[in-house]
């Protein structure tokens, strides 16, 4: 799928559990910002598609009848004594997209603000997903296709990462696999990626409260992680960029998969643990600057891609047969800026 401060995509598998991860009724009704995108081919040109974007469930207020189930960076044991009870008690609320999260759309354009000061405090960052209906994520099939977008990173300074990437989520957010999850894609459920993150509050329709620990600098982490294949189309600020495929072991993680321990690649005392998990956390990235092409991408006219201006980013997924059924043999990058096509540099490794 798509994501700017973060956006993602979807597809996966897992057994149902008796739990509940339901929508709430304490906040404004969930109304997704509209987003127009285009599908194109050589024969008929481009046609507009009318989708929506949805905020990830991890950013949402989770409550029981208006009382917080999650305060600061800890779960309230009164509502969350165990994962199943917590999911039954606590609901995911609708989002005030622009006023609380700094997310707005003008149709074909999506704006994500990094820090948004709202009525009840400041929100930092967001992650959004592209949808094709009000209750399902947009699914992309990339082989023998190209994916392009326009982006402006002129105000995204060093140390920040504007990310747009695909992850292998379920189209419905996991509702059909986990019968207790009645919130689904409409409320941004079902996230996973190749880092197998532990900070996701609900995984497989259960609250991730076991062994939950938090600090003043993050939202907290639980026992379980959630893994799946990831394709980072765009990780960038105005100084540097990279694009990176992260694969997973398809025999153990075919789609969104809950993990624990070494399957997540955990174990700070074991230097090999990172590489024994279900997914390739490092990935195979292309960063022109780090590979020696220091004038390819940066802020100013001396760079091939000048990040003080908007740029079109094109990623092509080339197969050996030139059709959808072939094996992927190359992920090719091009940029278009001021009418000029700029190819990815050739580097020597």
C-alpha atoms as a PDB file:
ATOM      1  CA  UNK A   1       0.000   0.000   0.000  1.00  0.00           C
ATOM      2  CA  UNK A   2       1.053   3.713   0.541  1.00  0.00           C
ATOM      3  CA  UNK A   3       2.501   5.848   3.610  1.00  0.00           C
ATOM      4  CA  UNK A   4       4.188   9.321   4.019  1.00  0.00           C
ATOM      5  CA  UNK A   5       5.076  10.242   7.689  1.00  0.00           C
ATOM      6  CA  UNK A   6       4.290   6.693   7.345  1.00  0.00           C
ATOM      7  CA  UNK A   7       1.896   4.894   4.950  1.00  0.00           C
ATOM      8  CA  UNK A   8       1.735   1.120   4.238  1.00  0.00           C
ATOM      9  CA  UNK A   9       0.021  -1.750   2.131  1.00  0.00           C
ATOM     10  CA  UNK A  10      -1.558  -5.241   2.737  1.00  0.00           C
ATOM     11  CA  UNK A  11      -2.048  -9.295   2.386  1.00  0.00           C
ATOM     12  CA  UNK A  12      -1.625 -12.470   4.901  1.00  0.00           C
ATOM     13  CA  UNK A  13      -2.827 -15.580   7.204  1.00  0.00           C
ATOM     14  CA  UNK A  14      -3.510 -16.850  10.858  1.00  0.00           C
ATOM     15  CA  UNK A  15      -6.024 -18.736  13.104  1.00  0.00           C
ATOM     16  CA  UNK A  16      -8.929 -17.090  14.913  1.00  0.00           C
ATOM     17  CA  UNK A  17      -8.918 -16.354  18.644  1.00  0.00           C
ATOM     18  CA  UNK A  18     -11.791 -15.475  20.947  1.00  0.00           C
ATOM     19  CA  UNK A  19     -11.090 -11.882  21.897  1.00  0.00           C
ATOM     20  CA  UNK A  20     -12.420  -8.468  21.019  1.00  0.00           C
ATOM     21  CA  UNK A  21     -10.878  -5.449  19.404  1.00  0.00           C
ATOM     22  CA  UNK A  22     -13.870  -3.281  18.757  1.00  0.00           C
ATOM     23  CA  UNK A  23     -14.601   0.271  17.606  1.00  0.00           C
ATOM     24  CA  UNK A  24     -15.644   2.804  20.235  1.00  0.00           C
ATOM     25  CA  UNK A  25     -18.206   5.610  20.347  1.00  0.00           C
ATOM     26  CA  UNK A  26     -16.575   8.221  22.589  1.00  0.00           C
ATOM     27  CA  UNK A  27     -14.750  10.244  19.898  1.00  0.00           C
ATOM     28  CA  UNK A  28     -15.954  11.809  16.647  1.00  0.00           C
ATOM     29  CA  UNK A  29     -17.185   9.246  14.135  1.00  0.00           C
ATOM     30  CA  UNK A  30     -14.403   7.746  12.022  1.00  0.00           C
ATOM     31  CA  UNK A  31     -14.322   9.668   8.727  1.00  0.00           C
ATOM     32  CA  UNK A  32     -11.380   8.836   6.476  1.00  0.00           C
ATOM     33  CA  UNK A  33      -9.746  11.606   4.432  1.00  0.00           C
ATOM     34  CA  UNK A  34     -10.223  11.051   0.704  1.00  0.00           C
ATOM     35  CA  UNK A  35      -7.221  10.378  -1.506  1.00  0.00           C
ATOM     36  CA  UNK A  36      -7.137  10.131  -5.281  1.00  0.00           C
ATOM     37  CA  UNK A  37      -4.600   7.905  -6.997  1.00  0.00           C
ATOM     38  CA  UNK A  38      -4.182   6.759 -10.592  1.00  0.00           C
ATOM     39  CA  UNK A  39      -3.767   3.465 -12.382  1.00  0.00           C
ATOM     40  CA  UNK A  40      -2.130   3.651 -15.804  1.00  0.00           C
ATOM     41  CA  UNK A  41      -1.252   1.444 -18.765  1.00  0.00           C
ATOM     42  CA  UNK A  42       0.163   2.040 -22.218  1.00  0.00           C
ATOM     43  CA  UNK A  43      -3.062   1.285 -24.057  1.00  0.00           C
ATOM     44  CA  UNK A  44      -5.644   3.357 -22.171  1.00  0.00           C
ATOM     45  CA  UNK A  45      -3.541   5.869 -20.245  1.00  0.00           C
ATOM     46  CA  UNK A  46      -4.372   6.820 -16.650  1.00  0.00           C
ATOM     47  CA  UNK A  47      -7.665   6.581 -14.802  1.00  0.00           C
ATOM     48  CA  UNK A  48      -8.454   8.138 -11.433  1.00  0.00           C
ATOM     49  CA  UNK A  49      -9.239   5.903  -8.461  1.00  0.00           C
ATOM     50  CA  UNK A  50     -10.930   7.300  -5.390  1.00  0.00           C
ATOM     51  CA  UNK A  51      -9.607   5.868  -2.148  1.00  0.00           C
ATOM     52  CA  UNK A  52      -9.195   6.952   1.451  1.00  0.00           C
ATOM     53  CA  UNK A  53      -6.500   6.990   4.109  1.00  0.00           C
ATOM     54  CA  UNK A  54      -6.872   5.572   7.608  1.00  0.00           C
ATOM     55  CA  UNK A  55      -4.844   6.168  10.761  1.00  0.00           C
ATOM     56  CA  UNK A  56      -3.025   3.196  12.289  1.00  0.00           C
ATOM     57  CA  UNK A  57      -4.738   1.810  15.389  1.00  0.00           C
ATOM     58  CA  UNK A  58      -1.596   2.304  17.479  1.00  0.00           C
ATOM     59  CA  UNK A  59      -2.080   6.086  17.458  1.00  0.00           C
ATOM     60  CA  UNK A  60      -5.709   5.906  18.569  1.00  0.00           C
ATOM     61  CA  UNK A  61      -7.267   6.489  21.953  1.00  0.00           C
ATOM     62  CA  UNK A  62      -8.211   3.116  23.483  1.00  0.00           C
ATOM     63  CA  UNK A  63     -10.818   3.321  26.230  1.00  0.00           C
ATOM     64  CA  UNK A  64     -13.684   1.691  28.119  1.00  0.00           C
ATOM     65  CA  UNK A  65     -16.698   3.956  28.237  1.00  0.00           C
ATOM     66  CA  UNK A  66     -14.584   7.087  28.111  1.00  0.00           C
ATOM     67  CA  UNK A  67     -11.926   5.961  30.615  1.00  0.00           C
ATOM     68  CA  UNK A  68      -8.409   5.409  29.306  1.00  0.00           C
ATOM     69  CA  UNK A  69      -7.246   1.815  29.048  1.00  0.00           C
ATOM     70  CA  UNK A  70      -3.755   3.065  28.231  1.00  0.00           C
ATOM     71  CA  UNK A  71      -2.255   5.935  30.227  1.00  0.00           C
ATOM     72  CA  UNK A  72       1.095   7.432  29.352  1.00  0.00           C
ATOM     73  CA  UNK A  73       2.979   4.278  28.438  1.00  0.00           C
ATOM     74  CA  UNK A  74       1.247   1.664  30.592  1.00  0.00           C
ATOM     75  CA  UNK A  75      -2.006  -0.321  30.494  1.00  0.00           C
ATOM     76  CA  UNK A  76      -4.562   0.158  33.280  1.00  0.00           C
ATOM     77  CA  UNK A  77      -4.781  -3.214  35.087  1.00  0.00           C
ATOM     78  CA  UNK A  78      -8.363  -2.476  36.098  1.00  0.00           C
ATOM     79  CA  UNK A  79      -9.396  -2.835  32.453  1.00  0.00           C
ATOM     80  CA  UNK A  80      -6.503  -4.968  31.238  1.00  0.00           C
ATOM     81  CA  UNK A  81      -5.707  -7.828  33.640  1.00  0.00           C
ATOM     82  CA  UNK A  82      -4.973 -10.152  30.682  1.00  0.00           C
ATOM     83  CA  UNK A  83      -4.806  -9.844  26.857  1.00  0.00           C
ATOM     84  CA  UNK A  84      -8.288 -11.242  26.119  1.00  0.00           C
ATOM     85  CA  UNK A  85     -10.131  -9.241  28.794  1.00  0.00           C
ATOM     86  CA  UNK A  86      -8.317  -6.070  27.766  1.00  0.00           C
ATOM     87  CA  UNK A  87      -9.378  -6.499  24.142  1.00  0.00           C
ATOM     88  CA  UNK A  88     -12.962  -7.175  25.224  1.00  0.00           C
ATOM     89  CA  UNK A  89     -13.060  -4.156  27.541  1.00  0.00           C
ATOM     90  CA  UNK A  90     -11.246  -1.566  25.466  1.00  0.00           C
ATOM     91  CA  UNK A  91     -12.279   0.045  22.206  1.00  0.00           C
ATOM     92  CA  UNK A  92     -10.419   1.907  19.469  1.00  0.00           C
ATOM     93  CA  UNK A  93     -11.829   5.385  18.969  1.00  0.00           C
ATOM     94  CA  UNK A  94     -12.339   7.442  15.843  1.00  0.00           C
ATOM     95  CA  UNK A  95      -9.690   9.987  14.876  1.00  0.00           C
ATOM     96  CA  UNK A  96      -9.858  13.755  14.445  1.00  0.00           C
ATOM     97  CA  UNK A  97      -7.393  13.547  11.569  1.00  0.00           C
ATOM     98  CA  UNK A  98      -6.338  17.144  11.043  1.00  0.00           C
ATOM     99  CA  UNK A  99      -6.803  18.771  14.456  1.00  0.00           C
ATOM    100  CA  UNK A 100      -5.247  15.959  16.517  1.00  0.00           C
ATOM    101  CA  UNK A 101      -2.879  14.188  14.122  1.00  0.00           C
ATOM    102  CA  UNK A 102      -2.013  16.808  11.492  1.00  0.00           C
ATOM    103  CA  UNK A 103      -3.250  14.592   8.633  1.00  0.00           C
ATOM    104  CA  UNK A 104      -5.025  16.272   5.737  1.00  0.00           C
ATOM    105  CA  UNK A 105      -5.748  15.554   2.102  1.00  0.00           C
ATOM    106  CA  UNK A 106      -6.623  17.728  -0.862  1.00  0.00           C
ATOM    107  CA  UNK A 107      -7.554  14.736  -3.019  1.00  0.00           C
ATOM    108  CA  UNK A 108      -4.356  13.656  -4.793  1.00  0.00           C
ATOM    109  CA  UNK A 109      -2.100  15.133  -2.092  1.00  0.00           C
ATOM    110  CA  UNK A 110      -1.541  13.947   1.473  1.00  0.00           C
ATOM    111  CA  UNK A 111       0.035  16.154   4.165  1.00  0.00           C
ATOM    112  CA  UNK A 112       1.367  14.661   7.393  1.00  0.00           C
ATOM    113  CA  UNK A 113       2.665  17.014  10.075  1.00  0.00           C
ATOM    114  CA  UNK A 114       5.319  15.733  12.450  1.00  0.00           C
ATOM    115  CA  UNK A 115       4.159  17.531  15.608  1.00  0.00           C
ATOM    116  CA  UNK A 116       0.531  18.617  16.044  1.00  0.00           C
ATOM    117  CA  UNK A 117      -0.622  20.497  19.141  1.00  0.00           C
ATOM    118  CA  UNK A 118      -4.198  19.545  19.957  1.00  0.00           C
ATOM    119  CA  UNK A 119      -6.734  20.160  22.684  1.00  0.00           C
ATOM    120  CA  UNK A 120      -5.340  17.463  24.978  1.00  0.00           C
ATOM    121  CA  UNK A 121      -1.619  17.685  24.186  1.00  0.00           C
ATOM    122  CA  UNK A 122       0.832  17.189  21.337  1.00  0.00           C
ATOM    123  CA  UNK A 123       0.847  14.303  18.886  1.00  0.00           C
ATOM    124  CA  UNK A 124       4.139  13.216  17.323  1.00  0.00           C
ATOM    125  CA  UNK A 125       4.155  11.451  13.956  1.00  0.00           C
ATOM    126  CA  UNK A 126       1.541   9.205  12.413  1.00  0.00           C
ATOM    127  CA  UNK A 127       1.151   6.182  10.184  1.00  0.00           C
ATOM    128  CA  UNK A 128      -1.584   5.975   7.603  1.00  0.00           C
ATOM    129  CA  UNK A 129      -2.731   3.352   5.096  1.00  0.00           C
ATOM    130  CA  UNK A 130      -4.304   3.683   1.682  1.00  0.00           C
ATOM    131  CA  UNK A 131      -7.747   2.073   1.393  1.00  0.00           C
ATOM    132  CA  UNK A 132      -9.868   1.064  -1.576  1.00  0.00           C
ATOM    133  CA  UNK A 133     -13.100   0.981   0.447  1.00  0.00           C
ATOM    134  CA  UNK A 134     -14.137   2.268   3.850  1.00  0.00           C
ATOM    135  CA  UNK A 135     -13.362  -1.144   5.376  1.00  0.00           C
ATOM    136  CA  UNK A 136     -10.478  -2.582   3.312  1.00  0.00           C
ATOM    137  CA  UNK A 137      -6.898  -1.676   2.464  1.00  0.00           C
ATOM    138  CA  UNK A 138      -5.738  -1.135  -1.088  1.00  0.00           C
ATOM    139  CA  UNK A 139      -3.721  -4.154  -2.219  1.00  0.00           C
ATOM    140  CA  UNK A 140      -0.857  -3.671  -4.672  1.00  0.00           C
ATOM    141  CA  UNK A 141       0.676  -6.341  -6.913  1.00  0.00           C
ATOM    142  CA  UNK A 142       4.063  -4.993  -7.913  1.00  0.00           C
ATOM    143  CA  UNK A 143       5.720  -7.461 -10.286  1.00  0.00           C
ATOM    144  CA  UNK A 144       5.923  -6.126 -13.850  1.00  0.00           C
ATOM    145  CA  UNK A 145       4.599  -2.776 -12.598  1.00  0.00           C
ATOM    146  CA  UNK A 146       5.949   0.598 -11.608  1.00  0.00           C
ATOM    147  CA  UNK A 147       4.863   2.692  -8.635  1.00  0.00           C
ATOM    148  CA  UNK A 148       5.332   6.459  -8.634  1.00  0.00           C
ATOM    149  CA  UNK A 149       4.537   9.398  -6.383  1.00  0.00           C
ATOM    150  CA  UNK A 150       5.408  13.065  -5.957  1.00  0.00           C
ATOM    151  CA  UNK A 151       7.018  14.118  -2.699  1.00  0.00           C
ATOM    152  CA  UNK A 152       8.344  17.279  -1.035  1.00  0.00           C
ATOM    153  CA  UNK A 153      10.963  16.711   1.689  1.00  0.00           C
ATOM    154  CA  UNK A 154      12.331  20.271   1.695  1.00  0.00           C
ATOM    155  CA  UNK A 155      11.234  20.760   5.331  1.00  0.00           C
ATOM    156  CA  UNK A 156      12.263  17.312   6.557  1.00  0.00           C
ATOM    157  CA  UNK A 157      15.585  17.828   8.296  1.00  0.00           C
ATOM    158  CA  UNK A 158      18.442  15.483   9.133  1.00  0.00           C
ATOM    159  CA  UNK A 159      17.501  12.943  11.801  1.00  0.00           C
ATOM    160  CA  UNK A 160      13.905  12.582  10.577  1.00  0.00           C
ATOM    161  CA  UNK A 161      12.530   9.907   8.254  1.00  0.00           C
ATOM    162  CA  UNK A 162       9.584  10.346   5.928  1.00  0.00           C
ATOM    163  CA  UNK A 163       8.650   6.783   4.960  1.00  0.00           C
ATOM    164  CA  UNK A 164       6.396   5.313   2.287  1.00  0.00           C
ATOM    165  CA  UNK A 165       6.399   1.541   2.133  1.00  0.00           C
ATOM    166  CA  UNK A 166       4.528  -1.660   1.449  1.00  0.00           C
ATOM    167  CA  UNK A 167       3.884  -4.265   4.154  1.00  0.00           C
ATOM    168  CA  UNK A 168       2.064  -7.579   3.903  1.00  0.00           C
ATOM    169  CA  UNK A 169      -1.003  -6.803   6.000  1.00  0.00           C
ATOM    170  CA  UNK A 170      -4.387  -8.479   5.629  1.00  0.00           C
ATOM    171  CA  UNK A 171      -6.785  -6.605   3.393  1.00  0.00           C
ATOM    172  CA  UNK A 172      -9.429  -6.425   6.148  1.00  0.00           C
ATOM    173  CA  UNK A 173      -6.958  -5.683   8.972  1.00  0.00           C
ATOM    174  CA  UNK A 174      -7.239  -9.232  10.325  1.00  0.00           C
ATOM    175  CA  UNK A 175     -11.005  -9.303  10.947  1.00  0.00           C
ATOM    176  CA  UNK A 176     -11.655 -12.563   9.097  1.00  0.00           C
ATOM    177  CA  UNK A 177      -8.783 -14.379  10.838  1.00  0.00           C
ATOM    178  CA  UNK A 178      -9.422 -13.153  14.368  1.00  0.00           C
ATOM    179  CA  UNK A 179     -13.130 -13.262  15.142  1.00  0.00           C
ATOM    180  CA  UNK A 180     -12.825 -10.888  18.094  1.00  0.00           C
ATOM    181  CA  UNK A 181     -11.390  -8.109  15.917  1.00  0.00           C
ATOM    182  CA  UNK A 182     -14.472  -6.156  14.889  1.00  0.00           C
ATOM    183  CA  UNK A 183     -12.599  -2.894  14.288  1.00  0.00           C
ATOM    184  CA  UNK A 184     -10.597  -4.052  11.280  1.00  0.00           C
ATOM    185  CA  UNK A 185      -9.112  -1.954   8.513  1.00  0.00           C
ATOM    186  CA  UNK A 186     -11.613   0.853   9.144  1.00  0.00           C
ATOM    187  CA  UNK A 187      -9.680   1.552  12.365  1.00  0.00           C
ATOM    188  CA  UNK A 188      -6.204   0.752  11.035  1.00  0.00           C
ATOM    189  CA  UNK A 189      -5.651  -2.665  12.619  1.00  0.00           C
ATOM    190  CA  UNK A 190      -3.296  -5.470  11.581  1.00  0.00           C
ATOM    191  CA  UNK A 191       0.069  -3.735  11.208  1.00  0.00           C
ATOM    192  CA  UNK A 192       3.256  -5.752  10.698  1.00  0.00           C
ATOM    193  CA  UNK A 193       6.692  -5.219   9.183  1.00  0.00           C
ATOM    194  CA  UNK A 194      10.090  -6.884   8.843  1.00  0.00           C
ATOM    195  CA  UNK A 195      11.368  -5.360  12.118  1.00  0.00           C
ATOM    196  CA  UNK A 196       8.738  -7.465  13.944  1.00  0.00           C
ATOM    197  CA  UNK A 197       7.842  -4.482  16.179  1.00  0.00           C
ATOM    198  CA  UNK A 198       6.878  -5.063  19.816  1.00  0.00           C
ATOM    199  CA  UNK A 199       5.239  -1.657  20.335  1.00  0.00           C
ATOM    200  CA  UNK A 200       1.977  -2.600  18.585  1.00  0.00           C
ATOM    201  CA  UNK A 201      -0.785  -2.479  21.207  1.00  0.00           C
ATOM    202  CA  UNK A 202      -3.074  -5.065  19.592  1.00  0.00           C
ATOM    203  CA  UNK A 203      -1.813  -8.139  17.718  1.00  0.00           C
ATOM    204  CA  UNK A 204      -4.037 -10.960  16.418  1.00  0.00           C
ATOM    205  CA  UNK A 205      -7.078  -9.390  18.086  1.00  0.00           C
ATOM    206  CA  UNK A 206      -5.499  -9.427  21.561  1.00  0.00           C
ATOM    207  CA  UNK A 207      -3.937  -6.652  23.627  1.00  0.00           C
ATOM    208  CA  UNK A 208      -0.145  -6.993  23.671  1.00  0.00           C
ATOM    209  CA  UNK A 209       0.038  -6.397  27.450  1.00  0.00           C
ATOM    210  CA  UNK A 210       2.177  -9.356  28.563  1.00  0.00           C
ATOM    211  CA  UNK A 211       5.636  -8.220  29.751  1.00  0.00           C
ATOM    212  CA  UNK A 212       4.696  -4.678  28.709  1.00  0.00           C
ATOM    213  CA  UNK A 213       7.352  -2.113  29.584  1.00  0.00           C
ATOM    214  CA  UNK A 214       7.537   1.562  28.765  1.00  0.00           C
ATOM    215  CA  UNK A 215       9.846   4.471  29.226  1.00  0.00           C
ATOM    216  CA  UNK A 216       9.484   8.225  29.118  1.00  0.00           C
ATOM    217  CA  UNK A 217      10.819   8.243  25.552  1.00  0.00           C
ATOM    218  CA  UNK A 218       8.489   5.714  23.889  1.00  0.00           C
ATOM    219  CA  UNK A 219       5.007   4.225  24.050  1.00  0.00           C
ATOM    220  CA  UNK A 220       6.191   0.888  25.410  1.00  0.00           C
ATOM    221  CA  UNK A 221       6.776  -2.664  24.176  1.00  0.00           C
ATOM    222  CA  UNK A 222       5.173  -6.027  24.872  1.00  0.00           C
ATOM    223  CA  UNK A 223       6.077  -9.700  24.694  1.00  0.00           C
ATOM    224  CA  UNK A 224       4.926 -10.192  21.115  1.00  0.00           C
ATOM    225  CA  UNK A 225       6.052  -8.706  17.843  1.00  0.00           C
ATOM    226  CA  UNK A 226       4.281  -8.749  14.498  1.00  0.00           C
ATOM    227  CA  UNK A 227       6.282  -9.739  11.403  1.00  0.00           C
ATOM    228  CA  UNK A 228       5.775  -9.629   7.646  1.00  0.00           C
ATOM    229  CA  UNK A 229       7.551  -8.871   4.394  1.00  0.00           C
ATOM    230  CA  UNK A 230       8.286  -5.170   3.826  1.00  0.00           C
ATOM    231  CA  UNK A 231       9.292  -3.122   0.788  1.00  0.00           C
ATOM    232  CA  UNK A 232      10.576   0.328   1.728  1.00  0.00           C
ATOM    233  CA  UNK A 233       9.886   2.380  -1.376  1.00  0.00           C
ATOM    234  CA  UNK A 234      10.954   5.629   0.262  1.00  0.00           C
ATOM    235  CA  UNK A 235      12.842   6.454   3.440  1.00  0.00           C
ATOM    236  CA  UNK A 236      14.123   9.968   3.211  1.00  0.00           C
ATOM    237  CA  UNK A 237      14.761  13.433   4.481  1.00  0.00           C
ATOM    238  CA  UNK A 238      16.253  16.313   2.512  1.00  0.00           C
ATOM    239  CA  UNK A 239      19.816  15.022   2.968  1.00  0.00           C
ATOM    240  CA  UNK A 240      19.639  11.338   2.037  1.00  0.00           C
ATOM    241  CA  UNK A 241      17.362   8.535   0.890  1.00  0.00           C
ATOM    242  CA  UNK A 242      17.276   4.753   0.677  1.00  0.00           C
ATOM    243  CA  UNK A 243      14.976   2.113  -0.732  1.00  0.00           C
ATOM    244  CA  UNK A 244      15.072  -1.379   0.739  1.00  0.00           C
ATOM    245  CA  UNK A 245      13.407  -4.776   0.304  1.00  0.00           C
ATOM    246  CA  UNK A 246      13.089  -6.823   3.523  1.00  0.00           C
ATOM    247  CA  UNK A 247      12.159 -10.460   2.954  1.00  0.00           C
ATOM    248  CA  UNK A 248      10.824 -13.004   5.453  1.00  0.00           C
ATOM    249  CA  UNK A 249      11.102 -16.779   5.718  1.00  0.00           C
ATOM    250  CA  UNK A 250       7.973 -17.813   3.825  1.00  0.00           C
ATOM    251  CA  UNK A 251       7.867 -21.217   5.500  1.00  0.00           C
ATOM    252  CA  UNK A 252       7.490 -19.559   8.916  1.00  0.00           C
ATOM    253  CA  UNK A 253       5.999 -16.138   8.135  1.00  0.00           C
ATOM    254  CA  UNK A 254       3.712 -16.181   5.127  1.00  0.00           C
ATOM    255  CA  UNK A 255       1.926 -12.910   5.780  1.00  0.00           C
ATOM    256  CA  UNK A 256       1.286 -11.173   9.094  1.00  0.00           C
ATOM    257  CA  UNK A 257       2.714 -13.418  11.836  1.00  0.00           C
ATOM    258  CA  UNK A 258       2.849 -12.910  15.594  1.00  0.00           C
ATOM    259  CA  UNK A 259       6.290 -13.702  17.017  1.00  0.00           C
ATOM    260  CA  UNK A 260       8.109 -13.906  20.325  1.00  0.00           C
ATOM    261  CA  UNK A 261      11.721 -14.262  21.383  1.00  0.00           C
ATOM    262  CA  UNK A 262      14.226 -15.265  18.732  1.00  0.00           C
ATOM    263  CA  UNK A 263      11.542 -15.564  16.057  1.00  0.00           C
ATOM    264  CA  UNK A 264      11.267 -11.783  16.379  1.00  0.00           C
ATOM    265  CA  UNK A 265      15.044 -11.436  16.092  1.00  0.00           C
ATOM    266  CA  UNK A 266      15.242 -10.436  19.757  1.00  0.00           C
ATOM    267  CA  UNK A 267      18.128 -10.893  22.164  1.00  0.00           C
ATOM    268  CA  UNK A 268      20.452  -7.996  22.884  1.00  0.00           C
ATOM    269  CA  UNK A 269      23.040 -10.256  24.535  1.00  0.00           C
ATOM    270  CA  UNK A 270      23.135 -12.569  21.519  1.00  0.00           C
ATOM    271  CA  UNK A 271      24.673 -10.818  18.526  1.00  0.00           C
ATOM    272  CA  UNK A 272      23.321 -13.471  16.153  1.00  0.00           C
ATOM    273  CA  UNK A 273      19.721 -13.290  17.375  1.00  0.00           C
ATOM    274  CA  UNK A 274      18.880 -10.454  14.991  1.00  0.00           C
ATOM    275  CA  UNK A 275      19.649 -12.784  12.100  1.00  0.00           C
ATOM    276  CA  UNK A 276      17.780 -15.820  13.437  1.00  0.00           C
ATOM    277  CA  UNK A 277      14.355 -14.186  13.319  1.00  0.00           C
ATOM    278  CA  UNK A 278      11.584 -14.645  10.779  1.00  0.00           C
ATOM    279  CA  UNK A 279      12.536 -11.587   8.726  1.00  0.00           C
ATOM    280  CA  UNK A 280      15.586  -9.814   7.318  1.00  0.00           C
ATOM    281  CA  UNK A 281      15.703  -6.717   9.505  1.00  0.00           C
ATOM    282  CA  UNK A 282      18.707  -5.199   7.707  1.00  0.00           C
ATOM    283  CA  UNK A 283      17.319  -5.689   4.219  1.00  0.00           C
ATOM    284  CA  UNK A 284      19.154  -4.964   0.976  1.00  0.00           C
ATOM    285  CA  UNK A 285      19.144  -1.177   0.733  1.00  0.00           C
ATOM    286  CA  UNK A 286      20.419   1.281  -1.839  1.00  0.00           C
ATOM    287  CA  UNK A 287      21.665   4.560  -0.360  1.00  0.00           C
ATOM    288  CA  UNK A 288      23.591   6.494  -2.997  1.00  0.00           C
ATOM    289  CA  UNK A 289      25.582   8.619  -0.545  1.00  0.00           C
ATOM    290  CA  UNK A 290      26.764   5.674   1.520  1.00  0.00           C
ATOM    291  CA  UNK A 291      27.698   3.848  -1.685  1.00  0.00           C
ATOM    292  CA  UNK A 292      29.979   6.700  -2.746  1.00  0.00           C
ATOM    293  CA  UNK A 293      27.719   8.871  -4.937  1.00  0.00           C
ATOM    294  CA  UNK A 294      27.705  11.922  -2.676  1.00  0.00           C
ATOM    295  CA  UNK A 295      26.236  14.370  -5.216  1.00  0.00           C
ATOM    296  CA  UNK A 296      23.279  12.288  -6.300  1.00  0.00           C
ATOM    297  CA  UNK A 297      20.668  13.382  -3.718  1.00  0.00           C
ATOM    298  CA  UNK A 298      20.591  16.398  -1.448  1.00  0.00           C
ATOM    299  CA  UNK A 299      19.467  19.963  -0.825  1.00  0.00           C
ATOM    300  CA  UNK A 300      20.641  22.387  -3.494  1.00  0.00           C
ATOM    301  CA  UNK A 301      21.272  22.763  -7.245  1.00  0.00           C
ATOM    302  CA  UNK A 302      24.628  20.989  -7.018  1.00  0.00           C
ATOM    303  CA  UNK A 303      22.821  17.649  -6.537  1.00  0.00           C
ATOM    304  CA  UNK A 304      21.312  15.540  -9.325  1.00  0.00           C
ATOM    305  CA  UNK A 305      18.112  15.287  -7.281  1.00  0.00           C
ATOM    306  CA  UNK A 306      17.545  18.637  -5.561  1.00  0.00           C
ATOM    307  CA  UNK A 307      15.448  18.105  -2.437  1.00  0.00           C
ATOM    308  CA  UNK A 308      14.591  21.777  -2.090  1.00  0.00           C
ATOM    309  CA  UNK A 309      12.075  21.073  -4.864  1.00  0.00           C
ATOM    310  CA  UNK A 310       9.286  18.551  -5.365  1.00  0.00           C
ATOM    311  CA  UNK A 311      10.361  15.372  -7.145  1.00  0.00           C
ATOM    312  CA  UNK A 312       8.589  12.423  -8.781  1.00  0.00           C
ATOM    313  CA  UNK A 313       9.905   9.077  -7.532  1.00  0.00           C
ATOM    314  CA  UNK A 314       9.457   6.006  -9.763  1.00  0.00           C
ATOM    315  CA  UNK A 315      10.178   2.429  -8.705  1.00  0.00           C
ATOM    316  CA  UNK A 316       9.968  -0.360 -11.282  1.00  0.00           C
ATOM    317  CA  UNK A 317       9.672  -4.078 -10.470  1.00  0.00           C
ATOM    318  CA  UNK A 318      11.222  -5.916 -13.411  1.00  0.00           C
ATOM    319  CA  UNK A 319      10.580  -9.617 -14.090  1.00  0.00           C
ATOM    320  CA  UNK A 320      12.656 -12.030 -16.152  1.00  0.00           C
ATOM    321  CA  UNK A 321       9.751 -12.743 -18.501  1.00  0.00           C
ATOM    322  CA  UNK A 322       8.435  -9.209 -18.845  1.00  0.00           C
ATOM    323  CA  UNK A 323       5.043 -10.223 -17.485  1.00  0.00           C
ATOM    324  CA  UNK A 324       3.311 -10.682 -14.126  1.00  0.00           C
ATOM    325  CA  UNK A 325       4.191 -14.372 -13.801  1.00  0.00           C
ATOM    326  CA  UNK A 326       7.971 -14.044 -14.018  1.00  0.00           C
ATOM    327  CA  UNK A 327      10.564 -13.925 -11.272  1.00  0.00           C
ATOM    328  CA  UNK A 328      11.567 -10.523  -9.922  1.00  0.00           C
ATOM    329  CA  UNK A 329      15.098  -9.780 -11.134  1.00  0.00           C
ATOM    330  CA  UNK A 330      15.505  -6.055 -10.499  1.00  0.00           C
ATOM    331  CA  UNK A 331      14.023  -3.191  -8.492  1.00  0.00           C
ATOM    332  CA  UNK A 332      14.860  -0.126 -10.559  1.00  0.00           C
ATOM    333  CA  UNK A 333      14.686   3.497  -9.379  1.00  0.00           C
ATOM    334  CA  UNK A 334      14.253   6.687 -11.414  1.00  0.00           C
ATOM    335  CA  UNK A 335      13.463  10.288 -10.524  1.00  0.00           C
ATOM    336  CA  UNK A 336      11.819  13.018 -12.582  1.00  0.00           C
ATOM    337  CA  UNK A 337      12.455  16.648 -11.671  1.00  0.00           C
ATOM    338  CA  UNK A 338      11.834  19.760 -13.779  1.00  0.00           C
ATOM    339  CA  UNK A 339      11.127  17.560 -16.797  1.00  0.00           C
ATOM    340  CA  UNK A 340      14.417  15.661 -16.522  1.00  0.00           C
ATOM    341  CA  UNK A 341      14.640  11.887 -15.965  1.00  0.00           C
ATOM    342  CA  UNK A 342      17.369  11.097 -13.411  1.00  0.00           C
ATOM    343  CA  UNK A 343      18.477   7.484 -13.211  1.00  0.00           C
ATOM    344  CA  UNK A 344      19.735   5.813 -10.095  1.00  0.00           C
ATOM    345  CA  UNK A 345      23.547   5.978 -10.075  1.00  0.00           C
ATOM    346  CA  UNK A 346      25.689   2.975 -10.922  1.00  0.00           C
ATOM    347  CA  UNK A 347      27.981   2.144  -8.021  1.00  0.00           C
ATOM    348  CA  UNK A 348      30.834  -0.265  -7.394  1.00  0.00           C
ATOM    349  CA  UNK A 349      30.525  -2.499  -4.355  1.00  0.00           C
END
